[in-house]
Protein backbone atom coordinates (compact mmCIF):
# COMPACT_ATOMS: atom_id res chain seq x y z
CA MET A 1 11.20 18.69 8.89
CA LEU A 2 8.28 21.06 8.14
CA MET A 3 5.26 20.35 10.36
CA PRO A 4 1.70 21.60 9.74
CA PRO A 5 0.04 23.81 12.32
CA ASP A 6 -1.92 22.33 15.23
CA ASP A 7 -5.26 23.01 13.52
CA SER A 8 -4.26 21.21 10.28
CA PRO A 9 -6.01 17.97 9.34
CA PHE A 10 -2.61 16.72 8.14
CA LEU A 11 -0.91 17.08 11.55
CA ALA A 12 -1.51 13.46 12.65
CA ALA A 13 -0.08 12.08 9.37
CA ALA A 14 2.94 14.39 9.56
CA ARG A 15 3.66 13.30 13.15
CA ILE A 16 3.73 9.61 12.06
CA VAL A 17 6.11 10.49 9.20
CA ALA A 18 8.27 12.39 11.71
CA ASN A 19 8.27 9.37 14.03
CA GLY A 20 9.55 7.16 11.20
CA LEU A 21 12.22 9.69 10.31
CA ALA A 22 13.38 10.06 13.89
CA ALA A 23 13.24 6.30 14.75
CA SER A 24 15.30 5.37 11.69
CA ASN A 25 17.79 8.11 12.53
CA ALA A 26 18.23 6.79 16.07
CA HIS A 27 18.51 3.11 15.06
CA ILE A 28 20.98 2.93 12.16
CA ASP A 29 21.92 -0.54 10.86
CA SER A 30 25.35 0.39 9.57
CA PRO A 31 27.96 1.22 12.23
CA GLN A 32 29.74 3.46 9.74
CA ALA A 33 26.66 5.62 9.18
CA ARG A 34 26.13 8.76 11.23
CA SER A 35 22.87 9.98 12.58
CA ALA A 36 21.60 13.33 11.35
CA GLU A 37 20.49 16.26 13.52
CA ILE A 38 16.75 16.76 13.07
CA PHE A 39 14.76 19.97 13.66
CA LEU A 40 11.00 20.26 13.59
CA VAL A 41 9.91 23.58 12.02
CA GLU A 42 6.39 24.21 13.28
CA SER A 43 3.84 26.75 12.10
CA SER A 44 1.56 28.31 14.68
CA SER A 45 -1.38 28.76 12.28
CA GLN A 46 -2.59 28.02 8.77
CA THR A 47 -1.73 31.60 7.73
CA ALA A 48 1.98 31.19 8.55
CA SER A 49 4.03 31.63 5.40
CA LEU A 50 5.69 28.66 3.73
CA ASP A 51 8.56 30.97 2.80
CA ALA A 52 8.95 31.90 6.47
CA ALA A 53 9.16 28.21 7.42
CA LEU A 54 11.85 27.63 4.84
CA ASP A 55 13.77 30.71 6.00
CA ALA A 56 13.56 29.43 9.60
CA ALA A 57 15.03 26.09 8.50
CA LEU A 58 17.77 27.89 6.62
CA VAL A 59 18.82 30.10 9.55
CA SER A 60 18.78 27.09 11.86
CA GLY A 61 21.57 25.57 9.79
CA ALA A 62 19.57 22.85 8.01
CA ASP A 63 21.19 21.25 4.98
CA ILE A 64 17.90 19.92 3.59
CA VAL A 65 14.20 20.19 4.46
CA VAL A 66 11.76 17.23 4.55
CA GLY A 67 8.17 18.25 3.92
CA PRO A 68 5.60 19.63 3.56
CA ILE A 69 3.07 16.81 3.34
CA GLU A 70 0.05 18.83 2.20
CA ARG A 71 -0.50 18.65 -1.57
CA SER A 72 -1.51 22.29 -1.80
CA ALA A 73 1.74 23.37 -0.12
CA VAL A 74 3.75 21.11 -2.48
CA GLU A 75 2.01 22.71 -5.44
CA MET A 76 3.03 26.13 -4.11
CA LEU A 77 6.64 25.02 -3.98
CA ALA A 78 6.43 23.51 -7.47
CA ARG A 79 5.34 26.87 -8.91
CA LYS A 80 8.37 28.74 -7.50
CA LYS A 81 11.43 29.54 -9.57
CA THR A 82 13.90 28.61 -6.84
CA LEU A 83 14.05 27.58 -3.18
CA PRO A 84 16.52 28.79 -0.51
CA LEU A 85 17.72 25.20 0.19
CA PRO A 86 16.96 21.65 -0.99
CA VAL A 87 13.46 20.47 -0.15
CA LEU A 88 12.23 16.87 -0.23
CA ALA A 89 8.44 17.19 -0.35
CA LEU A 90 6.24 14.34 0.92
CA ASN A 91 3.66 14.53 -1.84
CA VAL A 92 3.38 15.06 -5.58
CA PRO A 93 1.59 18.06 -7.19
CA ASP A 94 -1.39 17.53 -9.46
CA ASN A 95 -1.19 18.27 -13.19
CA THR A 96 2.31 19.77 -12.95
CA ASP A 97 5.11 19.51 -15.47
CA LEU A 98 7.81 18.01 -13.24
CA SER A 99 10.56 19.25 -15.54
CA ALA A 100 9.58 22.86 -14.62
CA VAL A 101 9.81 22.51 -10.81
CA PRO A 102 12.75 24.19 -8.98
CA GLN A 103 16.04 22.38 -9.33
CA ASN A 104 16.36 21.89 -5.58
CA LEU A 105 12.91 20.39 -5.07
CA GLY A 106 12.57 16.58 -4.71
CA LEU A 107 9.29 14.60 -4.41
CA ILE A 108 8.67 11.34 -2.57
CA SER A 109 5.17 9.98 -2.14
CA ILE A 110 2.99 7.00 -1.27
CA SER A 111 0.04 8.58 -3.09
CA THR A 112 -2.98 6.55 -4.29
CA GLU A 113 -2.45 7.72 -7.88
CA TYR A 114 1.15 6.44 -8.00
CA GLU A 115 0.08 3.05 -6.74
CA ALA A 116 -2.86 2.93 -9.13
CA GLU A 117 -0.69 3.71 -12.14
CA TRP A 118 1.92 1.13 -11.10
CA ILE A 119 -0.54 -1.73 -10.59
CA ALA A 120 -2.46 -0.85 -13.77
CA GLN A 121 0.80 -1.17 -15.75
CA ALA A 122 1.30 -4.62 -14.20
CA ALA A 123 -2.30 -5.58 -15.14
CA VAL A 124 -1.70 -4.49 -18.74
CA ALA A 125 1.57 -6.50 -18.87
CA ALA A 126 -0.29 -9.62 -17.71
CA LEU A 127 -2.95 -9.50 -20.39
CA PRO A 128 -2.95 -12.21 -23.07
CA HIS A 129 -1.94 -11.06 -26.51
CA SER A 130 -5.08 -12.57 -28.01
CA ILE A 131 -8.03 -14.65 -26.80
CA ASN A 132 -9.91 -17.62 -28.22
CA ASN A 133 -12.50 -15.66 -30.13
CA LEU A 134 -9.78 -13.43 -31.57
CA SER A 135 -11.22 -10.31 -29.90
CA ARG A 136 -9.12 -7.80 -27.96
CA PRO A 137 -8.65 -8.33 -24.19
CA LYS A 138 -10.75 -6.05 -22.00
CA ILE A 139 -10.40 -4.78 -18.43
CA ALA A 140 -13.15 -3.82 -15.96
CA VAL A 141 -12.46 -0.78 -13.76
CA ILE A 142 -14.59 -0.82 -10.56
CA ALA A 143 -14.43 2.16 -8.29
CA GLY A 144 -16.43 3.59 -5.42
CA SER A 145 -17.45 7.22 -4.93
CA ALA A 146 -14.87 8.32 -2.32
CA ALA A 147 -12.32 10.95 -3.39
CA TRP A 148 -9.37 8.55 -3.23
CA GLN A 149 -11.30 5.95 -5.22
CA MET A 150 -12.05 8.48 -7.97
CA ARG A 151 -8.36 9.50 -8.09
CA ALA A 152 -7.37 5.83 -8.45
CA ARG A 153 -10.00 5.30 -11.14
CA ASP A 154 -8.63 8.25 -13.12
CA ALA A 155 -5.10 6.88 -12.81
CA PHE A 156 -6.29 3.43 -14.03
CA GLU A 157 -8.01 5.07 -17.02
CA ASN A 158 -4.91 7.08 -17.94
CA VAL A 159 -2.73 4.00 -18.06
CA LEU A 160 -5.26 1.94 -20.02
CA ALA A 161 -5.92 4.72 -22.50
CA HIS A 162 -2.22 5.24 -23.07
CA ALA A 163 -1.78 1.49 -23.63
CA GLN A 164 -4.83 1.44 -25.95
CA ILE A 165 -6.56 -1.24 -23.91
CA ASP A 166 -10.31 -1.67 -24.08
CA TYR A 167 -11.92 -1.08 -20.68
CA GLU A 168 -15.28 -0.38 -19.00
CA VAL A 169 -15.77 1.72 -15.91
CA ILE A 170 -18.29 0.38 -13.36
CA SER A 171 -19.44 2.44 -10.35
CA PHE A 172 -19.58 0.23 -7.30
CA SER A 173 -22.54 0.05 -4.90
CA PRO A 174 -23.92 -2.94 -2.92
CA GLU A 175 -27.09 -2.78 -4.98
CA ILE A 176 -25.33 -3.82 -8.21
CA LEU A 177 -23.70 -7.03 -6.91
CA ASP A 178 -26.19 -9.37 -8.54
CA ASP A 179 -25.93 -7.49 -11.82
CA LEU A 180 -22.14 -7.72 -11.62
CA GLN A 181 -22.27 -11.53 -11.47
CA THR A 182 -24.38 -11.67 -14.62
CA LYS A 183 -22.15 -9.13 -16.34
CA PHE A 184 -18.96 -11.04 -15.63
CA GLU A 185 -20.20 -14.54 -16.48
CA PRO A 186 -18.66 -16.18 -19.54
CA THR A 187 -21.05 -16.58 -22.42
CA LEU A 188 -21.05 -18.50 -25.72
CA SER A 189 -20.34 -16.67 -28.91
CA PRO A 190 -23.37 -16.28 -31.25
CA GLU A 191 -21.91 -18.97 -33.53
CA GLU A 192 -21.43 -21.43 -30.67
CA ALA A 193 -24.96 -20.76 -29.30
CA ALA A 194 -26.43 -21.32 -32.80
CA GLN A 195 -24.51 -24.59 -33.12
CA PHE A 196 -25.94 -25.97 -29.85
CA ASP A 197 -29.46 -24.91 -30.79
CA GLN A 198 -29.15 -26.69 -34.17
CA GLU A 199 -27.79 -29.82 -32.51
CA LEU A 200 -30.71 -29.84 -30.06
CA ARG A 201 -33.30 -29.43 -32.83
CA GLU A 202 -31.80 -32.24 -34.94
CA ALA A 203 -31.60 -34.63 -32.01
CA LEU A 204 -35.18 -33.90 -30.90
CA ALA A 205 -36.43 -34.53 -34.43
CA LYS A 206 -35.04 -38.06 -34.30
CA ALA A 207 -36.44 -38.84 -30.84
CA GLU A 208 -39.14 -41.55 -30.74
CA SER A 209 -40.58 -40.88 -27.27
CA SER A 210 -40.94 -38.17 -24.71
CA GLN A 211 -38.44 -39.93 -22.48
CA GLN A 212 -35.84 -39.75 -25.23
CA ARG A 213 -36.56 -36.05 -25.76
CA LYS A 214 -36.03 -35.34 -22.05
CA LEU A 215 -32.69 -37.20 -22.04
CA ILE A 216 -31.51 -35.46 -25.23
CA THR A 217 -32.44 -32.00 -23.86
CA LYS A 218 -30.68 -32.73 -20.59
CA ARG A 219 -27.53 -33.96 -22.42
CA VAL A 220 -27.29 -30.95 -24.77
CA HIS A 221 -27.88 -28.47 -21.98
CA ALA A 222 -25.14 -30.10 -19.87
CA ALA A 223 -22.72 -29.90 -22.81
CA ARG A 224 -23.66 -26.26 -23.29
CA ARG A 225 -23.02 -25.43 -19.62
CA ALA A 226 -19.66 -27.23 -19.75
CA ARG A 227 -18.69 -25.23 -22.85
CA VAL A 228 -19.67 -21.98 -21.13
CA THR A 229 -17.33 -22.68 -18.24
CA GLN A 230 -14.46 -23.09 -20.70
CA SER A 231 -15.31 -19.91 -22.60
CA GLU A 232 -13.33 -16.70 -22.29
CA PRO A 233 -14.81 -14.33 -19.67
CA PRO A 234 -15.96 -10.93 -20.99
CA PHE A 235 -13.16 -9.27 -18.94
CA GLN A 236 -9.65 -10.73 -18.77
CA ALA A 237 -8.75 -8.53 -15.79
CA ALA A 238 -10.26 -6.14 -13.30
CA LEU A 239 -8.78 -3.10 -11.57
CA LEU A 240 -10.45 -2.33 -8.23
CA ALA A 241 -10.42 1.04 -6.52
CA LEU A 242 -12.21 -0.39 -3.47
CA SER A 243 -11.61 -1.11 0.19
CA ALA A 244 -10.81 -4.66 1.30
CA GLN A 245 -14.39 -5.17 2.48
CA GLU A 246 -15.86 -3.92 -0.80
CA ALA A 247 -13.42 -5.96 -2.87
CA ALA A 248 -14.38 -9.11 -0.94
CA LEU A 249 -18.00 -8.60 -2.04
CA VAL A 250 -16.94 -8.22 -5.70
CA ARG A 251 -14.25 -10.90 -5.89
CA ASN A 252 -16.57 -13.97 -6.00
CA ARG A 253 -18.58 -12.38 -8.82
CA PHE A 254 -15.68 -12.87 -11.21
CA PRO A 255 -15.02 -16.20 -13.03
CA ARG A 256 -11.82 -18.03 -12.20
CA GLY A 257 -10.00 -16.92 -15.36
CA THR A 258 -10.18 -13.16 -14.60
CA ARG A 259 -7.10 -11.62 -12.98
CA ILE A 260 -7.95 -9.19 -10.14
CA TRP A 261 -5.70 -6.22 -9.25
CA GLY A 262 -6.10 -3.35 -6.79
CA THR A 263 -4.29 -0.73 -4.77
CA SER A 264 -2.93 -1.30 -1.27
CA ALA A 265 -6.41 -0.33 0.09
CA ILE A 266 -7.32 -3.97 -0.72
CA ASN A 267 -4.82 -5.27 1.88
CA PRO A 268 -6.93 -7.26 4.34
CA GLY A 269 -4.30 -7.03 7.08
CA ASP A 270 -2.07 -9.66 8.63
CA PRO A 271 -3.99 -12.96 8.95
CA ASP A 272 -1.61 -14.01 11.75
CA LEU A 273 -2.72 -11.03 13.89
CA SER A 274 -6.45 -10.69 13.16
CA SER A 275 -9.33 -13.13 12.67
CA ALA A 276 -11.11 -10.49 10.49
CA ALA A 277 -8.01 -10.34 8.24
CA THR A 278 -8.01 -14.13 8.00
CA THR A 279 -11.66 -14.15 6.78
CA LEU A 280 -11.01 -11.40 4.27
CA SER A 281 -7.87 -13.04 2.91
CA TYR A 282 -9.90 -16.11 1.95
CA ASP A 283 -12.56 -13.88 0.31
CA LEU A 284 -9.85 -12.09 -1.66
CA ASP A 285 -8.09 -15.21 -3.00
CA GLY A 286 -6.09 -14.49 -6.15
CA VAL A 287 -6.10 -10.67 -5.79
CA ALA A 288 -2.77 -8.87 -6.32
CA PHE A 289 -1.87 -5.41 -4.94
CA PRO A 290 1.24 -3.27 -4.24
CA GLU A 291 2.37 -2.71 -0.68
CA CYS A 292 5.22 -1.23 1.38
CA PRO A 293 7.70 -3.94 2.37
CA LEU A 294 7.58 -2.74 5.99
CA VAL A 295 3.87 -3.52 6.17
CA VAL A 296 4.10 -7.11 5.00
CA GLN A 297 7.54 -8.14 6.22
CA LEU A 298 7.74 -6.99 9.83
CA LYS A 299 5.85 -8.48 12.76
CA PRO A 300 5.40 -6.29 15.88
CA ALA A 301 8.37 -7.82 17.70
CA ASP A 302 10.59 -7.36 14.64
CA PHE A 303 9.45 -3.80 14.22
CA GLU A 304 10.18 -2.89 17.83
CA ALA A 305 13.59 -4.51 17.70
CA ARG A 306 14.46 -2.60 14.53
CA PHE A 307 13.12 0.86 15.36
CA GLY A 308 12.93 0.88 19.14
CA THR A 309 9.27 1.79 19.22
CA SER A 310 5.93 0.01 19.00
CA MET A 311 4.47 -0.75 15.60
CA PRO A 312 1.61 1.51 14.50
CA TYR A 313 -1.74 -0.28 14.59
CA SER A 314 -3.38 0.75 11.28
CA LEU A 315 -2.06 -0.09 7.85
CA SER A 316 -2.12 3.59 6.78
CA ALA A 317 -0.04 4.56 9.85
CA LYS A 318 2.50 1.84 9.02
CA ARG A 319 2.81 3.24 5.47
CA LEU A 320 3.33 6.79 6.75
CA PHE A 321 5.99 5.54 9.16
CA ALA A 322 7.72 3.77 6.22
CA LEU A 323 7.55 7.02 4.26
CA GLY A 324 9.39 8.78 7.07
CA VAL A 325 12.13 6.13 7.06
CA ASP A 326 12.64 6.44 3.32
CA ALA A 327 12.42 10.22 3.44
CA ARG A 328 15.44 10.19 5.79
CA THR A 329 17.32 7.77 3.47
CA THR A 330 16.65 9.93 0.41
CA ALA A 331 17.32 13.29 2.10
CA LEU A 332 20.61 12.09 3.61
CA ALA A 333 21.81 10.72 0.26
CA TRP A 334 20.81 13.92 -1.54
CA SER A 335 22.50 16.19 0.99
CA GLN A 336 25.71 14.13 0.57
CA GLY A 337 25.55 14.37 -3.24
CA ARG A 338 24.71 10.68 -3.68
CA SER A 339 22.03 9.14 -5.89
CA LEU A 340 19.93 6.09 -5.02
CA GLN A 341 20.02 3.25 -7.50
CA GLY A 342 17.72 0.39 -6.53
CA GLU A 343 18.08 1.09 -2.79
CA ALA A 344 16.02 -1.31 -0.62
CA GLY A 345 13.64 0.92 1.29
CA GLU A 346 10.64 0.49 3.57
CA THR A 347 8.15 1.77 0.98
CA GLY A 348 9.80 -0.19 -1.84
CA THR A 349 12.92 -0.16 -3.96
CA LEU A 350 14.08 3.48 -4.30
CA THR A 351 15.72 5.17 -7.26
CA PHE A 352 16.58 8.87 -7.12
CA ASP A 353 18.92 11.11 -9.11
CA ARG A 354 17.92 14.75 -8.91
CA SER A 355 19.96 15.61 -12.02
CA HIS A 356 17.51 13.41 -14.04
CA SER A 357 14.16 13.80 -12.23
CA PRO A 358 12.71 15.37 -9.09
CA LEU A 359 10.63 12.26 -8.42
CA VAL A 360 11.82 9.42 -6.20
CA GLU A 361 10.86 6.33 -8.22
CA ARG A 362 9.45 3.73 -5.87
CA THR A 363 8.92 0.10 -6.83
CA PRO A 364 6.55 -1.41 -4.22
CA GLN A 365 6.31 -5.04 -3.22
CA VAL A 366 3.76 -7.14 -5.10
CA VAL A 367 1.52 -9.15 -2.74
CA VAL A 368 -0.80 -11.91 -3.91
CA VAL A 369 -3.52 -13.40 -1.66
CA GLN A 370 -3.54 -17.20 -1.89
CA GLN A 371 -5.02 -19.82 0.44
CA GLY A 372 -5.46 -17.32 3.24
CA HIS A 373 -1.83 -16.08 3.05
CA LEU A 374 -0.32 -12.79 1.87
CA LEU A 375 2.50 -13.93 -0.44
CA GLN A 376 5.24 -11.60 -1.59
CA ILE A 377 6.30 -12.28 -5.20
CA PRO A 378 8.48 -10.50 -7.78
CA ARG A 379 6.73 -8.42 -10.39
CA GLU A 380 7.90 -10.69 -13.25
CA LEU A 381 6.05 -13.59 -11.67
CA ALA A 382 2.92 -11.48 -10.99
CA VAL A 383 2.59 -10.34 -14.62
CA ARG A 384 2.29 -13.85 -16.07
CA THR A 385 -0.98 -14.30 -17.89
CA VAL A 386 -1.89 -17.25 -15.66
CA LEU A 387 -0.83 -16.71 -12.06
CA PRO A 388 1.01 -19.82 -10.92
CA THR A 389 0.12 -21.53 -7.67
CA ILE A 390 2.56 -20.40 -5.01
CA GLU A 391 3.30 -22.52 -1.99
CA PRO A 392 2.59 -20.67 1.24
CA PRO A 393 5.41 -20.49 3.79
CA LYS A 394 5.67 -23.54 6.01
CA PRO A 395 4.70 -22.89 9.61
CA THR A 396 7.57 -22.59 12.06
CA GLU A 397 8.03 -25.78 14.03
CA PRO A 398 7.55 -25.32 17.77
CA ILE A 399 10.72 -25.36 19.86
CA ALA A 400 11.04 -28.62 21.77
CA MET A 401 10.99 -27.85 25.48
CA PRO A 402 13.12 -29.96 27.81
CA THR A 403 11.22 -32.36 30.06
CA VAL A 404 11.20 -31.47 33.73
CA LYS A 405 11.11 -34.36 36.18
CA GLU A 406 8.64 -33.64 38.94
CA GLU A 407 9.48 -35.07 42.35
CA LEU A 408 6.54 -35.58 44.68
CA ASN A 409 6.73 -35.67 48.46
CA ALA A 410 10.07 -33.86 48.44
CA ALA A 411 11.61 -33.31 51.87
CA HIS A 412 10.87 -29.91 53.43
CA ARG A 413 13.95 -27.72 53.61
CA GLU A 414 14.52 -26.40 57.11
CA ASP A 415 17.23 -23.95 55.98
CA VAL A 416 14.83 -21.77 53.97
CA LYS A 417 13.31 -19.05 56.10
CA GLY A 418 10.57 -16.58 55.19
CA VAL A 419 11.50 -12.92 54.68
CA VAL A 420 9.30 -10.05 55.87
CA VAL A 421 9.53 -6.84 53.90
CA ASN A 422 8.78 -3.75 55.90
CA ASP A 423 6.59 -0.93 54.52
CA LEU A 424 8.90 1.61 52.91
CA GLY A 425 6.28 4.36 52.89
CA ALA A 426 5.13 6.47 49.95
CA ASP A 427 6.88 6.26 46.62
CA PRO A 428 9.45 8.93 45.84
CA ASP A 429 8.45 11.80 43.55
CA PRO A 430 8.82 10.95 39.85
CA THR A 431 11.70 12.40 37.87
CA PRO A 432 10.46 15.58 36.11
CA MET A 433 10.24 15.34 32.31
CA ILE A 434 12.62 17.40 30.21
CA ILE A 435 10.64 20.02 28.28
CA PRO A 436 11.77 20.31 24.61
CA LYS A 437 13.69 23.50 24.02
CA THR A 438 12.04 25.84 21.54
CA ILE A 439 14.36 28.33 19.82
CA SER A 440 13.69 31.18 17.48
CA PRO A 441 16.61 32.26 15.28
CA ALA A 442 17.85 35.57 16.56
CA SER A 443 19.59 36.49 13.35
CA SER A 444 16.30 36.33 11.35
CA PRO A 445 13.33 37.97 13.01
CA SER A 446 10.93 37.22 10.15
CA PRO A 447 10.31 33.50 10.89
CA ALA A 448 9.40 34.14 14.54
CA ALA A 449 7.23 37.09 13.54
CA SER A 450 5.39 34.78 11.14
CA GLY A 451 4.45 32.25 13.79
CA ILE A 452 7.30 29.74 13.10
CA SER A 453 9.15 27.87 15.85
CA ILE A 454 12.01 25.42 15.63
CA THR A 455 12.15 22.47 18.00
CA GLN A 456 15.39 20.52 18.37
């Protein structure tokens, strides 16, 4: 695996991916499967050549390279005519014709853009074909000003424009929350409003007292409000490029009939493990988002039993770990000449055939927030125009503990004697740690000269 240099901002992310790759390699479910030998090819500085790193991997006997994770480095690889050995990059280049990349370059990613495109396609599929006033359905796109939010917004717009769906982009800030509620409220059509006004005028003209006029006005206004609540909202769906906290502020501004979608950044966290996540999950009721199965399916104990290591704390670290697991699955299949057809992975269902496309197609898990629970549902259920009510999982019944009879005033046993442990002195010296062996290929001086080391 290609690792960034120590001064790279991507080093921490690459290490988590490497942890996932190594942990899945050491804990293989199938007894017939064989673990792979993994080398870390490390660059000593940002100036170290990417070609030198690939040459170092080649001389070390690697069959396939996993990495790099930096998008700029992946774009450099995508512009090359050929590569010395197969490379499974951990990102996707921007604005690149994927049919023109080298034949031995594969791409796997958990990028924001990919998620945004996928969930936007689901939102389009869930739109009604027509609405009561015969106008076209419309989607609100709400995004913040962070770089990842703008990338997600652009991906939303690309999908909606391609599907010829009417949409409106709204820039999020806390100051516009009150305006949002007014903007999203259902309203009467001009014809319906004129009809209520005419009914009120005719009824008031027949009133014989001020008391009757008050009652008539109250009755017509109540009927008008009831009709408004049954009217179509101005937006049938909303796509949010927001954090979970920002989305919680926006969610209650939408009427009940509007479907809300977002990226995995909306994930509030596991309500079973965090009180803050519990609060957010109620605020985000009805929101749907894509997520890595590893994030929503494994509890800490399950994770440790499966991978032999502690579960990462943050959601982003869990996703990077899952990427490492699926990178190993994909790289191993590719090096053995196999394709992946609907393989159950930790980032989603994986499909990869390099003879057709360099991109590993990843189908994430759809998660819907309902009644304070994160419910996993199939995509075909999520894209229904009206999201059905889904029963949350029943709580696990506590295990019945056997009753222990307590005997009071039990006789004192004379045959049990106290034991005195003598002081054994200072603890022995700890066992020295084994230092990882760093090798530089002797047959190829160029990688070592370029600041590249290979750690086994």
